[in-house]
Amino acid sequence: MKRHSLFLSAIIILLLALSGCGSGGSGAPGSSGSDNTGVMLETYVRPYYIAGGWTIENTDDLSSITFSGNFTNAVDVNQIDCDPLPDVTKWEPMVEHSAILVINAKLLNPSSSFKPGNLYITEYKIDYFRSTDSLTAPPIESDRRFVSILIGVPPSSGNWYSAASVVLVDLIRKDKYVEMIQGGMYTARPGLLNNYTAEYTFYGQDSNGKSFSFKTRHDFTMGAYNYCGLLQ
């Protein structure tokens, strides 16, 4: 989808990466499931744009995860022409902004004779909250997705990493954000900037049919960013 810049001269803003991510497990406030599944979950998300990946090494003694990609909390809402020549058009990439969900599983009671089975996330919901410095920003509608994400569990004591790609902000919500600012009911700082928090709630069952859920949060910014450097 090609979309023209909001301005005759494109606003070029240096990429910002706000710090701050939340974590929570299936036993944290507002979550449930550890007693049912026998597994504790430590979770967080890492937002990325266009490219994001991970490598997991799980052994009986040690589990580790490493990342690669364009990790940023800056969600671009305004597509620009990346080529300065008047007779050439080269559009900036404009796709949904994603995130890597990272899950670190630990047994609730490693000495128990009960051995938990794998866990499966079946759906998740994202609720978006305006930050205190962006109370006049457009509201972002909640998003709900149905998925099948496997969470492995450690065979004994120790930890066990799993990961999956999830949505942070899709194209529909990017477009709506710009439309609501243009409509005059909501405001933004120069460069269409506003700050938000995404709160994820994940739901699932283990291989024994026991239900669990958990939450995690992450801060991000909506704005007119320049991602021309990510063109192939």
C-alpha atoms as a PDB file:
ATOM      1  CA  MET A   1       0.000   0.000   0.000  1.00  0.00           C
ATOM      2  CA  LYS A   2       1.444   3.375  -1.000  1.00  0.00           C
ATOM      3  CA  ARG A   3       0.642   6.395   1.124  1.00  0.00           C
ATOM      4  CA  HIS A   4       1.864   9.922   0.532  1.00  0.00           C
ATOM      5  CA  SER A   5       3.557  11.966   3.221  1.00  0.00           C
ATOM      6  CA  LEU A   6       1.359  14.197   5.326  1.00  0.00           C
ATOM      7  CA  PHE A   7       3.566  17.152   4.492  1.00  0.00           C
ATOM      8  CA  LEU A   8       5.090  18.596   1.328  1.00  0.00           C
ATOM      9  CA  SER A   9       8.450  18.180   2.982  1.00  0.00           C
ATOM     10  CA  ALA A  10       8.708  14.880   4.779  1.00  0.00           C
ATOM     11  CA  ILE A  11       9.464  15.148   8.457  1.00  0.00           C
ATOM     12  CA  ILE A  12      12.530  13.111   9.111  1.00  0.00           C
ATOM     13  CA  ILE A  13      12.964  12.108  12.710  1.00  0.00           C
ATOM     14  CA  LEU A  14      15.864  10.210  14.136  1.00  0.00           C
ATOM     15  CA  LEU A  15      14.862   6.758  15.278  1.00  0.00           C
ATOM     16  CA  LEU A  16      13.924   6.677  18.920  1.00  0.00           C
ATOM     17  CA  ALA A  17      13.901   3.607  21.084  1.00  0.00           C
ATOM     18  CA  LEU A  18      12.101   4.109  24.339  1.00  0.00           C
ATOM     19  CA  SER A  19      13.321   1.971  27.156  1.00  0.00           C
ATOM     20  CA  GLY A  20      11.017  -0.013  29.361  1.00  0.00           C
ATOM     21  CA  CYS A  21       9.433  -3.411  29.154  1.00  0.00           C
ATOM     22  CA  GLY A  22       7.208  -5.304  31.512  1.00  0.00           C
ATOM     23  CA  SER A  23       7.146  -8.895  32.517  1.00  0.00           C
ATOM     24  CA  GLY A  24       4.735 -11.223  34.155  1.00  0.00           C
ATOM     25  CA  GLY A  25       4.137 -14.927  34.529  1.00  0.00           C
ATOM     26  CA  SER A  26       1.249 -17.319  34.981  1.00  0.00           C
ATOM     27  CA  GLY A  27       1.170 -16.575  38.672  1.00  0.00           C
ATOM     28  CA  ALA A  28       1.797 -12.836  38.581  1.00  0.00           C
ATOM     29  CA  PRO A  29      -1.019 -10.429  39.577  1.00  0.00           C
ATOM     30  CA  GLY A  30      -3.785 -10.567  37.006  1.00  0.00           C
ATOM     31  CA  SER A  31      -2.577 -13.933  35.719  1.00  0.00           C
ATOM     32  CA  SER A  32      -3.290 -17.544  36.569  1.00  0.00           C
ATOM     33  CA  GLY A  33      -2.223 -21.051  35.787  1.00  0.00           C
ATOM     34  CA  SER A  34       0.918 -22.074  37.678  1.00  0.00           C
ATOM     35  CA  ASP A  35      -0.995 -24.259  40.118  1.00  0.00           C
ATOM     36  CA  ASN A  36      -2.874 -25.915  37.251  1.00  0.00           C
ATOM     37  CA  THR A  37       0.044 -26.543  34.914  1.00  0.00           C
ATOM     38  CA  GLY A  38       2.932 -26.895  37.356  1.00  0.00           C
ATOM     39  CA  VAL A  39       4.936 -24.371  35.318  1.00  0.00           C
ATOM     40  CA  MET A  40       6.041 -20.804  36.116  1.00  0.00           C
ATOM     41  CA  LEU A  41       6.473 -18.399  33.202  1.00  0.00           C
ATOM     42  CA  GLU A  42       8.698 -15.329  33.005  1.00  0.00           C
ATOM     43  CA  THR A  43       7.824 -13.308  29.908  1.00  0.00           C
ATOM     44  CA  TYR A  44       8.550 -10.107  28.008  1.00  0.00           C
ATOM     45  CA  VAL A  45       8.317  -8.724  24.458  1.00  0.00           C
ATOM     46  CA  ARG A  46      10.952  -7.098  22.214  1.00  0.00           C
ATOM     47  CA  PRO A  47       9.425  -4.929  19.448  1.00  0.00           C
ATOM     48  CA  TYR A  48      11.061  -4.919  16.016  1.00  0.00           C
ATOM     49  CA  TYR A  49      10.347  -3.543  12.549  1.00  0.00           C
ATOM     50  CA  ILE A  50      10.628  -5.571   9.313  1.00  0.00           C
ATOM     51  CA  ALA A  51      13.169  -8.089  10.629  1.00  0.00           C
ATOM     52  CA  GLY A  52      13.477  -9.789  14.003  1.00  0.00           C
ATOM     53  CA  GLY A  53      14.746 -13.238  14.879  1.00  0.00           C
ATOM     54  CA  TRP A  54      16.068 -15.413  17.661  1.00  0.00           C
ATOM     55  CA  THR A  55      18.148 -18.507  18.326  1.00  0.00           C
ATOM     56  CA  ILE A  56      17.398 -20.780  21.282  1.00  0.00           C
ATOM     57  CA  GLU A  57      19.675 -23.409  22.768  1.00  0.00           C
ATOM     58  CA  ASN A  58      17.904 -25.724  25.210  1.00  0.00           C
ATOM     59  CA  THR A  59      19.756 -28.477  27.048  1.00  0.00           C
ATOM     60  CA  ASP A  60      19.067 -30.356  30.275  1.00  0.00           C
ATOM     61  CA  ASP A  61      21.534 -28.092  32.083  1.00  0.00           C
ATOM     62  CA  LEU A  62      21.183 -24.685  30.423  1.00  0.00           C
ATOM     63  CA  SER A  63      18.803 -22.724  28.211  1.00  0.00           C
ATOM     64  CA  SER A  64      19.751 -19.509  26.415  1.00  0.00           C
ATOM     65  CA  ILE A  65      18.344 -17.174  23.768  1.00  0.00           C
ATOM     66  CA  THR A  66      20.045 -14.687  21.438  1.00  0.00           C
ATOM     67  CA  PHE A  67      18.453 -12.084  19.138  1.00  0.00           C
ATOM     68  CA  SER A  68      19.056 -10.409  15.798  1.00  0.00           C
ATOM     69  CA  GLY A  69      17.066  -7.788  13.919  1.00  0.00           C
ATOM     70  CA  ASN A  70      15.838  -4.197  13.825  1.00  0.00           C
ATOM     71  CA  PHE A  71      14.701  -3.780  17.424  1.00  0.00           C
ATOM     72  CA  THR A  72      12.870  -0.526  18.077  1.00  0.00           C
ATOM     73  CA  ASN A  73       9.884   0.759  20.059  1.00  0.00           C
ATOM     74  CA  ALA A  74       9.270   3.502  17.448  1.00  0.00           C
ATOM     75  CA  VAL A  75       6.154   2.694  15.385  1.00  0.00           C
ATOM     76  CA  ASP A  76       6.126   4.481  12.014  1.00  0.00           C
ATOM     77  CA  VAL A  77       2.712   5.764  10.854  1.00  0.00           C
ATOM     78  CA  ASN A  78       3.672   7.924   7.862  1.00  0.00           C
ATOM     79  CA  GLN A  79       5.086   6.498   4.618  1.00  0.00           C
ATOM     80  CA  ILE A  80       7.501   8.766   2.743  1.00  0.00           C
ATOM     81  CA  ASP A  81       9.313   8.804  -0.586  1.00  0.00           C
ATOM     82  CA  CYS A  82      12.894   7.763   0.157  1.00  0.00           C
ATOM     83  CA  ASP A  83      14.396   9.021  -3.105  1.00  0.00           C
ATOM     84  CA  PRO A  84      15.178  12.787  -3.321  1.00  0.00           C
ATOM     85  CA  LEU A  85      15.060  12.833  -7.136  1.00  0.00           C
ATOM     86  CA  PRO A  86      11.820  14.386  -8.454  1.00  0.00           C
ATOM     87  CA  ASP A  87      11.282  11.778 -11.180  1.00  0.00           C
ATOM     88  CA  VAL A  88      11.966   8.723  -8.986  1.00  0.00           C
ATOM     89  CA  THR A  89       9.673   7.254  -6.348  1.00  0.00           C
ATOM     90  CA  LYS A  90      11.008   4.781  -3.815  1.00  0.00           C
ATOM     91  CA  TRP A  91       8.529   4.193  -1.011  1.00  0.00           C
ATOM     92  CA  GLU A  92       9.602   3.630   2.566  1.00  0.00           C
ATOM     93  CA  PRO A  93       8.618   0.192   3.939  1.00  0.00           C
ATOM     94  CA  MET A  94       5.203   0.310   5.634  1.00  0.00           C
ATOM     95  CA  VAL A  95       4.028  -2.888   7.324  1.00  0.00           C
ATOM     96  CA  GLU A  96       2.728  -3.808  10.751  1.00  0.00           C
ATOM     97  CA  HIS A  97       5.110  -3.387  13.678  1.00  0.00           C
ATOM     98  CA  SER A  98       5.853  -6.699  15.371  1.00  0.00           C
ATOM     99  CA  ALA A  99       7.434  -8.009  18.566  1.00  0.00           C
ATOM    100  CA  ILE A 100       9.158 -11.154  19.770  1.00  0.00           C
ATOM    101  CA  LEU A 101       7.399 -12.787  22.705  1.00  0.00           C
ATOM    102  CA  VAL A 102      10.043 -14.361  24.961  1.00  0.00           C
ATOM    103  CA  ILE A 103       8.967 -17.030  27.458  1.00  0.00           C
ATOM    104  CA  ASN A 104      11.212 -18.568  30.099  1.00  0.00           C
ATOM    105  CA  ALA A 105       9.557 -21.618  31.690  1.00  0.00           C
ATOM    106  CA  LYS A 106      10.502 -23.138  35.042  1.00  0.00           C
ATOM    107  CA  LEU A 107       8.951 -26.018  36.954  1.00  0.00           C
ATOM    108  CA  LEU A 108       6.870 -24.941  39.927  1.00  0.00           C
ATOM    109  CA  ASN A 109       8.134 -27.934  41.941  1.00  0.00           C
ATOM    110  CA  PRO A 110      11.139 -29.657  40.310  1.00  0.00           C
ATOM    111  CA  SER A 111      11.174 -32.429  42.957  1.00  0.00           C
ATOM    112  CA  SER A 112       7.573 -33.449  42.275  1.00  0.00           C
ATOM    113  CA  SER A 113       6.837 -36.789  40.608  1.00  0.00           C
ATOM    114  CA  PHE A 114       4.322 -34.944  38.386  1.00  0.00           C
ATOM    115  CA  LYS A 115       5.946 -33.996  35.084  1.00  0.00           C
ATOM    116  CA  PRO A 116       4.139 -31.134  33.300  1.00  0.00           C
ATOM    117  CA  GLY A 117       3.388 -31.373  29.597  1.00  0.00           C
ATOM    118  CA  ASN A 118       3.937 -28.707  26.968  1.00  0.00           C
ATOM    119  CA  LEU A 119       1.872 -25.518  27.070  1.00  0.00           C
ATOM    120  CA  TYR A 120       0.093 -23.986  24.083  1.00  0.00           C
ATOM    121  CA  ILE A 121      -0.960 -20.346  23.689  1.00  0.00           C
ATOM    122  CA  THR A 122      -4.233 -20.300  21.758  1.00  0.00           C
ATOM    123  CA  GLU A 123      -5.007 -16.573  21.665  1.00  0.00           C
ATOM    124  CA  TYR A 124      -3.858 -13.194  22.896  1.00  0.00           C
ATOM    125  CA  LYS A 125      -5.294  -9.730  23.351  1.00  0.00           C
ATOM    126  CA  ILE A 126      -3.503  -6.369  23.216  1.00  0.00           C
ATOM    127  CA  ASP A 127      -4.924  -3.381  25.115  1.00  0.00           C
ATOM    128  CA  TYR A 128      -3.347   0.010  24.420  1.00  0.00           C
ATOM    129  CA  PHE A 129      -3.045   2.749  27.043  1.00  0.00           C
ATOM    130  CA  ARG A 130      -2.031   6.358  26.489  1.00  0.00           C
ATOM    131  CA  SER A 131       0.917   7.558  28.572  1.00  0.00           C
ATOM    132  CA  THR A 132       0.492  10.429  31.020  1.00  0.00           C
ATOM    133  CA  ASP A 133       2.318  12.763  28.606  1.00  0.00           C
ATOM    134  CA  SER A 134      -0.045  11.792  25.745  1.00  0.00           C
ATOM    135  CA  LEU A 135      -3.523  11.972  27.269  1.00  0.00           C
ATOM    136  CA  THR A 136      -4.912  13.842  24.238  1.00  0.00           C
ATOM    137  CA  ALA A 137      -3.559  11.226  21.817  1.00  0.00           C
ATOM    138  CA  PRO A 138      -5.934   9.062  19.753  1.00  0.00           C
ATOM    139  CA  PRO A 139      -7.180   5.937  21.522  1.00  0.00           C
ATOM    140  CA  ILE A 140      -5.991   2.697  19.915  1.00  0.00           C
ATOM    141  CA  GLU A 141      -8.549  -0.084  19.593  1.00  0.00           C
ATOM    142  CA  SER A 142      -7.744  -3.405  21.280  1.00  0.00           C
ATOM    143  CA  ASP A 143      -6.474  -6.225  19.073  1.00  0.00           C
ATOM    144  CA  ARG A 144      -7.218  -9.950  19.506  1.00  0.00           C
ATOM    145  CA  ARG A 145      -5.456 -12.779  17.689  1.00  0.00           C
ATOM    146  CA  PHE A 146      -5.968 -16.560  17.608  1.00  0.00           C
ATOM    147  CA  VAL A 147      -2.689 -18.453  17.415  1.00  0.00           C
ATOM    148  CA  SER A 148      -0.947 -21.721  18.192  1.00  0.00           C
ATOM    149  CA  ILE A 149       2.295 -21.055  20.062  1.00  0.00           C
ATOM    150  CA  LEU A 150       4.188 -23.891  21.734  1.00  0.00           C
ATOM    151  CA  ILE A 151       5.808 -23.299  25.131  1.00  0.00           C
ATOM    152  CA  GLY A 152       8.334 -25.979  26.003  1.00  0.00           C
ATOM    153  CA  VAL A 153       9.008 -26.933  29.640  1.00  0.00           C
ATOM    154  CA  PRO A 154      12.303 -28.029  31.221  1.00  0.00           C
ATOM    155  CA  PRO A 155      12.754 -31.771  31.727  1.00  0.00           C
ATOM    156  CA  SER A 156      14.034 -31.188  35.279  1.00  0.00           C
ATOM    157  CA  SER A 157      15.257 -28.171  37.243  1.00  0.00           C
ATOM    158  CA  GLY A 158      16.461 -25.077  35.446  1.00  0.00           C
ATOM    159  CA  ASN A 159      14.793 -23.009  32.749  1.00  0.00           C
ATOM    160  CA  TRP A 160      13.556 -23.480  29.179  1.00  0.00           C
ATOM    161  CA  TYR A 161      13.190 -20.698  26.580  1.00  0.00           C
ATOM    162  CA  SER A 162      10.516 -20.417  23.911  1.00  0.00           C
ATOM    163  CA  ALA A 163       9.753 -17.512  21.553  1.00  0.00           C
ATOM    164  CA  ALA A 164       7.271 -16.422  18.899  1.00  0.00           C
ATOM    165  CA  SER A 165       6.502 -13.405  16.746  1.00  0.00           C
ATOM    166  CA  VAL A 166       3.417 -11.391  17.749  1.00  0.00           C
ATOM    167  CA  VAL A 167       1.825  -8.122  16.625  1.00  0.00           C
ATOM    168  CA  LEU A 168       2.575  -4.801  18.300  1.00  0.00           C
ATOM    169  CA  VAL A 169       0.591  -2.381  16.065  1.00  0.00           C
ATOM    170  CA  ASP A 170      -0.959  -3.417  12.735  1.00  0.00           C
ATOM    171  CA  LEU A 171      -1.534  -1.304   9.620  1.00  0.00           C
ATOM    172  CA  ILE A 172      -5.234  -0.762  10.356  1.00  0.00           C
ATOM    173  CA  ARG A 173      -4.423   0.880  13.686  1.00  0.00           C
ATOM    174  CA  LYS A 174      -1.605   2.925  12.154  1.00  0.00           C
ATOM    175  CA  ASP A 175      -3.971   4.329   9.540  1.00  0.00           C
ATOM    176  CA  LYS A 176      -6.691   5.040  12.111  1.00  0.00           C
ATOM    177  CA  TYR A 177      -4.201   6.864  14.327  1.00  0.00           C
ATOM    178  CA  VAL A 178      -3.314   9.311  11.530  1.00  0.00           C
ATOM    179  CA  GLU A 179      -6.960   9.752  10.505  1.00  0.00           C
ATOM    180  CA  MET A 180      -8.016  10.701  14.041  1.00  0.00           C
ATOM    181  CA  ILE A 181      -5.248  13.300  14.346  1.00  0.00           C
ATOM    182  CA  GLN A 182      -6.132  14.751  10.952  1.00  0.00           C
ATOM    183  CA  GLY A 183      -9.775  14.913  12.056  1.00  0.00           C
ATOM    184  CA  GLY A 184      -8.820  17.435  14.746  1.00  0.00           C
ATOM    185  CA  MET A 185     -10.253  15.658  17.800  1.00  0.00           C
ATOM    186  CA  TYR A 186      -6.877  14.374  19.004  1.00  0.00           C
ATOM    187  CA  THR A 187      -3.393  15.841  19.087  1.00  0.00           C
ATOM    188  CA  ALA A 188       0.258  14.905  18.769  1.00  0.00           C
ATOM    189  CA  ARG A 189       3.609  16.560  19.225  1.00  0.00           C
ATOM    190  CA  PRO A 190       5.589  17.537  16.099  1.00  0.00           C
ATOM    191  CA  GLY A 191       6.261  14.470  13.987  1.00  0.00           C
ATOM    192  CA  LEU A 192       2.934  12.887  15.037  1.00  0.00           C
ATOM    193  CA  LEU A 193       4.549  11.706  18.276  1.00  0.00           C
ATOM    194  CA  ASN A 194       2.574  10.132  21.123  1.00  0.00           C
ATOM    195  CA  ASN A 195       3.535   7.565  23.761  1.00  0.00           C
ATOM    196  CA  TYR A 196       1.607   4.397  24.650  1.00  0.00           C
ATOM    197  CA  THR A 197       1.816   1.153  26.585  1.00  0.00           C
ATOM    198  CA  ALA A 198       0.756  -2.161  25.055  1.00  0.00           C
ATOM    199  CA  GLU A 199      -0.597  -4.670  27.560  1.00  0.00           C
ATOM    200  CA  TYR A 200      -0.678  -8.238  26.286  1.00  0.00           C
ATOM    201  CA  THR A 201      -2.860 -10.946  27.813  1.00  0.00           C
ATOM    202  CA  PHE A 202      -2.105 -14.468  26.600  1.00  0.00           C
ATOM    203  CA  TYR A 203      -4.438 -17.451  27.064  1.00  0.00           C
ATOM    204  CA  GLY A 204      -3.779 -21.152  26.593  1.00  0.00           C
ATOM    205  CA  GLN A 205      -3.893 -24.738  27.788  1.00  0.00           C
ATOM    206  CA  ASP A 206      -1.344 -27.418  28.571  1.00  0.00           C
ATOM    207  CA  SER A 207      -1.324 -30.889  27.014  1.00  0.00           C
ATOM    208  CA  ASN A 208      -3.562 -32.065  29.876  1.00  0.00           C
ATOM    209  CA  GLY A 209      -6.255 -29.488  29.116  1.00  0.00           C
ATOM    210  CA  LYS A 210      -5.402 -27.224  32.083  1.00  0.00           C
ATOM    211  CA  SER A 211      -5.895 -23.514  31.394  1.00  0.00           C
ATOM    212  CA  PHE A 212      -3.389 -20.729  32.028  1.00  0.00           C
ATOM    213  CA  SER A 213      -2.965 -17.053  31.214  1.00  0.00           C
ATOM    214  CA  PHE A 214      -0.338 -14.362  31.683  1.00  0.00           C
ATOM    215  CA  LYS A 215       0.230 -10.673  31.009  1.00  0.00           C
ATOM    216  CA  THR A 216       3.180  -8.578  29.883  1.00  0.00           C
ATOM    217  CA  ARG A 217       3.503  -4.876  29.039  1.00  0.00           C
ATOM    218  CA  HIS A 218       5.756  -2.758  26.845  1.00  0.00           C
ATOM    219  CA  ASP A 219       6.051   0.993  26.167  1.00  0.00           C
ATOM    220  CA  PHE A 220       6.247   2.338  22.612  1.00  0.00           C
ATOM    221  CA  THR A 221       5.882   5.537  20.558  1.00  0.00           C
ATOM    222  CA  MET A 222       3.739   6.289  17.510  1.00  0.00           C
ATOM    223  CA  GLY A 223       5.170   8.843  15.069  1.00  0.00           C
ATOM    224  CA  ALA A 224       6.497   9.804  11.630  1.00  0.00           C
ATOM    225  CA  TYR A 225       9.824   7.941  11.567  1.00  0.00           C
ATOM    226  CA  ASN A 226      12.282   7.493   8.734  1.00  0.00           C
ATOM    227  CA  TYR A 227      12.868   3.805   7.978  1.00  0.00           C
ATOM    228  CA  CYS A 228      14.253   4.296   4.471  1.00  0.00           C
ATOM    229  CA  GLY A 229      17.412   2.554   5.599  1.00  0.00           C
ATOM    230  CA  LEU A 230      15.470  -0.719   5.784  1.00  0.00           C
ATOM    231  CA  LEU A 231      14.728  -0.784   2.044  1.00  0.00           C
ATOM    232  CA  GLN A 232      16.009  -3.925   0.322  1.00  0.00           C
END
